[in-house]
């Protein structure tokens, strides 16, 4: 029997007689195939390696399972957050099918956390990559502003799809967890920088943005991009919350149900969605969206303190 993750992503990939299929577990609808350049894009905060997490929650216990989950998600491109140097080394060795680009956020570029972009080498050519800091001096390594607790970065990659010839600019950011001003201004830096860095290519922006979708930082980004969960041509699958804090709850608020609620009602439901997939409007169609809340075999623990999300998109 397929796991929930395998069912979700198999449904995303599966096509029959020109029909894009989605199961009730995954995306609960059938869509016509739109043709063109379709791909799966994702975001996953894998939880940094640290001395606090013990037992089943430790990175050493989780790392093989995290790699297995990333593969099951079948993303053509995925952004990861909270990746420390030892984790980066492990992931590059374990996920050899992916090109992994990005630097670490501290001034030496070798310490702190990275927000890498991972792309399938069999599908894409890397045209350009870069990282900038979410500060008043985006080119200054290790810089931070507006009361940010830590340096924060955005890593992007311009990728050329070998089969279609189309380009995509995939960006991955992890904004500050303490300062609302840093999140808002950091989001503005992202928006302004990607205008020039992406060279006109359609943008997919993902990441852990440390704010609910009613916050000013998210409102700013939605003024530039489309929040994929709202524009999916099928009802989104999985829970609304993306931050789980390692805690399971008996009655999970589904994303499909949450979309029918007012934002204030979602907040009362304690459904913490802080991980996002945004796309350029008018040039990118969102075909499907899922947040994956599987647990690990054996321990029954989550893969991370965040759930990953994945979206099936089409470049027009």
Foldseek 3Di string as FASTA:
>chain_A
DDDLLLLQQCLQPDDDPQKRGHDPQHFPDIHGHPDFDKFKEKEEAQAAADDPDDDCAHCVNQVVVVLVSVVSNRGQKYKYWNYFQVNVVVCCVSPVQWDKDWFAQAQVSHGHMTTIMIHGPVFKDWDDKDKFWLDPGGNHGFDADQPAPGIWMKIWTWIAGPVRRAIEIEIETAFGQPGLRSLQSSLVVVVVVCVPVRPPGKYKYKYQSNDACVRNSNVVVVVFWPFLCVQAPTHAHDAQAFQQQQDDDDDGHRSNNVVVDDPVVVVVVVRHHRITITIGPPFKHWHYKYWDFAADPPVRTTSHSGTMMMTIMHGD
